[in-house]
N, C-alpha and C. Protein backbone atom coordinates (compact mmCIF):
# COMPACT_ATOMS: atom_id res chain seq x y z
N MET A 1 17.85 150.36 -63.42
CA MET A 1 18.59 149.15 -63.11
C MET A 1 19.57 149.38 -61.95
N ALA A 2 20.25 150.51 -61.98
CA ALA A 2 21.21 150.80 -60.92
C ALA A 2 20.50 150.97 -59.57
N ASP A 3 19.32 151.55 -59.58
CA ASP A 3 18.58 151.72 -58.33
C ASP A 3 18.22 150.37 -57.72
N ASN A 4 17.83 149.42 -58.56
CA ASN A 4 17.47 148.09 -58.10
C ASN A 4 18.70 147.39 -57.53
N SER A 5 19.83 147.54 -58.18
CA SER A 5 21.07 146.93 -57.73
C SER A 5 21.50 147.53 -56.39
N GLN A 6 21.38 148.84 -56.26
CA GLN A 6 21.74 149.51 -55.00
C GLN A 6 20.81 149.06 -53.88
N SER A 7 19.54 148.93 -54.19
CA SER A 7 18.56 148.51 -53.19
C SER A 7 18.86 147.09 -52.72
N MET A 8 19.19 146.22 -53.67
CA MET A 8 19.52 144.84 -53.30
C MET A 8 20.79 144.79 -52.46
N SER A 9 21.77 145.59 -52.84
CA SER A 9 23.02 145.64 -52.11
C SER A 9 22.79 146.16 -50.69
N TYR A 10 21.96 147.18 -50.56
CA TYR A 10 21.64 147.74 -49.25
C TYR A 10 20.95 146.69 -48.37
N LYS A 11 19.98 145.99 -48.96
CA LYS A 11 19.24 144.97 -48.21
C LYS A 11 20.15 143.82 -47.79
N ALA A 12 21.09 143.45 -48.67
CA ALA A 12 22.04 142.40 -48.33
C ALA A 12 22.93 142.84 -47.16
N GLY A 13 23.39 144.08 -47.22
CA GLY A 13 24.21 144.60 -46.12
C GLY A 13 23.42 144.69 -44.83
N GLU A 14 22.16 145.08 -44.93
CA GLU A 14 21.30 145.17 -43.75
C GLU A 14 21.10 143.78 -43.14
N ALA A 15 20.85 142.79 -43.98
CA ALA A 15 20.66 141.42 -43.49
C ALA A 15 21.93 140.90 -42.84
N LYS A 16 23.07 141.22 -43.43
CA LYS A 16 24.36 140.80 -42.86
C LYS A 16 24.56 141.43 -41.48
N GLY A 17 24.25 142.69 -41.36
CA GLY A 17 24.38 143.38 -40.07
C GLY A 17 23.47 142.78 -39.02
N GLN A 18 22.25 142.45 -39.41
CA GLN A 18 21.32 141.84 -38.46
C GLN A 18 21.81 140.46 -38.03
N ALA A 19 22.34 139.69 -38.96
CA ALA A 19 22.87 138.36 -38.64
C ALA A 19 24.05 138.46 -37.68
N GLN A 20 24.92 139.46 -37.93
CA GLN A 20 26.07 139.65 -37.05
C GLN A 20 25.62 140.04 -35.64
N GLU A 21 24.60 140.88 -35.55
CA GLU A 21 24.08 141.30 -34.25
C GLU A 21 23.49 140.12 -33.49
N LYS A 22 22.72 139.27 -34.21
CA LYS A 22 22.15 138.09 -33.57
C LYS A 22 23.24 137.14 -33.09
N ALA A 23 24.26 136.96 -33.91
CA ALA A 23 25.38 136.09 -33.54
C ALA A 23 26.09 136.64 -32.31
N SER A 24 26.28 137.93 -32.27
CA SER A 24 26.93 138.57 -31.13
C SER A 24 26.11 138.38 -29.85
N ASN A 25 24.80 138.54 -29.98
CA ASN A 25 23.92 138.35 -28.82
C ASN A 25 23.97 136.91 -28.33
N LEU A 26 23.98 135.97 -29.26
CA LEU A 26 24.06 134.55 -28.87
C LEU A 26 25.37 134.25 -28.17
N MET A 27 26.45 134.82 -28.66
CA MET A 27 27.76 134.61 -28.04
C MET A 27 27.79 135.19 -26.63
N ASP A 28 27.18 136.36 -26.46
CA ASP A 28 27.11 136.97 -25.13
C ASP A 28 26.32 136.09 -24.17
N LYS A 29 25.20 135.56 -24.66
CA LYS A 29 24.38 134.68 -23.82
C LYS A 29 25.14 133.41 -23.45
N ALA A 30 25.87 132.85 -24.40
CA ALA A 30 26.65 131.65 -24.13
C ALA A 30 27.75 131.93 -23.12
N ALA A 31 28.40 133.07 -23.24
CA ALA A 31 29.46 133.44 -22.29
C ALA A 31 28.88 133.64 -20.89
N ASP A 32 27.71 134.27 -20.81
CA ASP A 32 27.06 134.46 -19.51
C ASP A 32 26.69 133.12 -18.89
N ALA A 33 26.17 132.21 -19.70
CA ALA A 33 25.79 130.88 -19.20
C ALA A 33 27.02 130.12 -18.71
N ALA A 34 28.11 130.22 -19.46
CA ALA A 34 29.35 129.54 -19.07
C ALA A 34 29.89 130.10 -17.75
N GLN A 35 29.84 131.41 -17.60
CA GLN A 35 30.32 132.03 -16.36
C GLN A 35 29.45 131.62 -15.19
N SER A 36 28.15 131.58 -15.39
CA SER A 36 27.23 131.17 -14.33
C SER A 36 27.48 129.72 -13.93
N ALA A 37 27.70 128.85 -14.91
CA ALA A 37 27.98 127.45 -14.62
C ALA A 37 29.29 127.31 -13.85
N LYS A 38 30.29 128.07 -14.25
CA LYS A 38 31.59 128.03 -13.56
C LYS A 38 31.44 128.44 -12.10
N GLU A 39 30.70 129.51 -11.86
CA GLU A 39 30.49 129.98 -10.49
C GLU A 39 29.72 128.96 -9.67
N SER A 40 28.74 128.33 -10.28
CA SER A 40 27.93 127.32 -9.59
C SER A 40 28.79 126.11 -9.21
N ILE A 41 29.64 125.69 -10.14
CA ILE A 41 30.52 124.54 -9.87
C ILE A 41 31.50 124.88 -8.76
N GLN A 42 32.05 126.09 -8.79
CA GLN A 42 32.99 126.50 -7.74
C GLN A 42 32.31 126.53 -6.37
N GLU A 43 31.08 127.04 -6.33
CA GLU A 43 30.34 127.10 -5.08
C GLU A 43 30.04 125.69 -4.56
N THR A 44 29.65 124.81 -5.46
CA THR A 44 29.37 123.43 -5.07
C THR A 44 30.62 122.76 -4.54
N GLY A 45 31.74 122.98 -5.19
CA GLY A 45 33.01 122.41 -4.74
C GLY A 45 33.39 122.92 -3.36
N GLN A 46 33.18 124.20 -3.13
CA GLN A 46 33.50 124.78 -1.82
C GLN A 46 32.62 124.16 -0.74
N LYS A 47 31.33 124.00 -1.02
CA LYS A 47 30.42 123.40 -0.05
C LYS A 47 30.81 121.95 0.25
N MET A 48 31.22 121.21 -0.78
CA MET A 48 31.63 119.82 -0.58
C MET A 48 32.88 119.75 0.29
N MET A 49 33.82 120.67 0.07
CA MET A 49 35.04 120.68 0.88
C MET A 49 34.70 120.99 2.34
N GLU A 50 33.77 121.93 2.55
CA GLU A 50 33.38 122.26 3.92
C GLU A 50 32.70 121.07 4.61
N LYS A 51 31.85 120.35 3.87
CA LYS A 51 31.19 119.18 4.43
C LYS A 51 32.20 118.08 4.74
N ALA A 52 33.16 117.88 3.86
CA ALA A 52 34.19 116.86 4.08
C ALA A 52 35.01 117.21 5.32
N HIS A 53 35.34 118.47 5.47
CA HIS A 53 36.10 118.89 6.65
C HIS A 53 35.27 118.65 7.92
N GLY A 54 33.99 118.99 7.86
CA GLY A 54 33.11 118.75 9.01
C GLY A 54 33.00 117.28 9.34
N ALA A 55 32.92 116.45 8.33
CA ALA A 55 32.85 115.00 8.56
C ALA A 55 34.14 114.49 9.18
N LYS A 56 35.26 115.00 8.69
CA LYS A 56 36.56 114.59 9.24
C LYS A 56 36.65 114.97 10.72
N GLU A 57 36.22 116.16 11.05
CA GLU A 57 36.24 116.59 12.46
C GLU A 57 35.29 115.76 13.32
N ALA A 58 34.13 115.39 12.77
CA ALA A 58 33.17 114.56 13.50
C ALA A 58 33.76 113.19 13.79
N VAL A 59 34.49 112.63 12.81
CA VAL A 59 35.13 111.33 13.03
C VAL A 59 36.22 111.45 14.09
N LYS A 60 37.00 112.52 14.03
CA LYS A 60 38.03 112.74 15.04
C LYS A 60 37.41 112.85 16.44
N ASP A 61 36.31 113.59 16.55
CA ASP A 61 35.63 113.74 17.83
C ASP A 61 35.11 112.38 18.32
N ALA A 62 34.52 111.62 17.42
CA ALA A 62 33.92 110.34 17.78
C ALA A 62 34.98 109.33 18.20
N THR A 63 36.16 109.39 17.63
CA THR A 63 37.22 108.42 17.95
C THR A 63 38.16 108.94 19.02
N GLY A 64 37.94 110.17 19.47
CA GLY A 64 38.79 110.74 20.51
C GLY A 64 40.12 111.24 20.00
N MET A 65 40.27 111.39 18.73
CA MET A 65 41.53 111.86 18.16
C MET A 65 41.66 113.37 18.20
N ASN A 66 40.64 114.07 18.61
CA ASN A 66 40.66 115.53 18.61
C ASN A 66 41.07 116.09 19.97
N LYS A 67 41.55 115.25 20.82
CA LYS A 67 41.92 115.73 22.17
C LYS A 67 43.39 116.04 22.27
């Protein structure tokens, strides 16, 4: 009886460890995805600012305000 109880306890602990490992891996993947999204948004924002600046300069050139 004790052997069966120990075996069940071991298996329960093993299952718990595997679940924790899977959860940890999922959290790592989520953190990586969030970081990638953040970098993508920052890059997009930078490109938009550069385009806006270029448009502003084009308007200044076209209206003669850049002289």
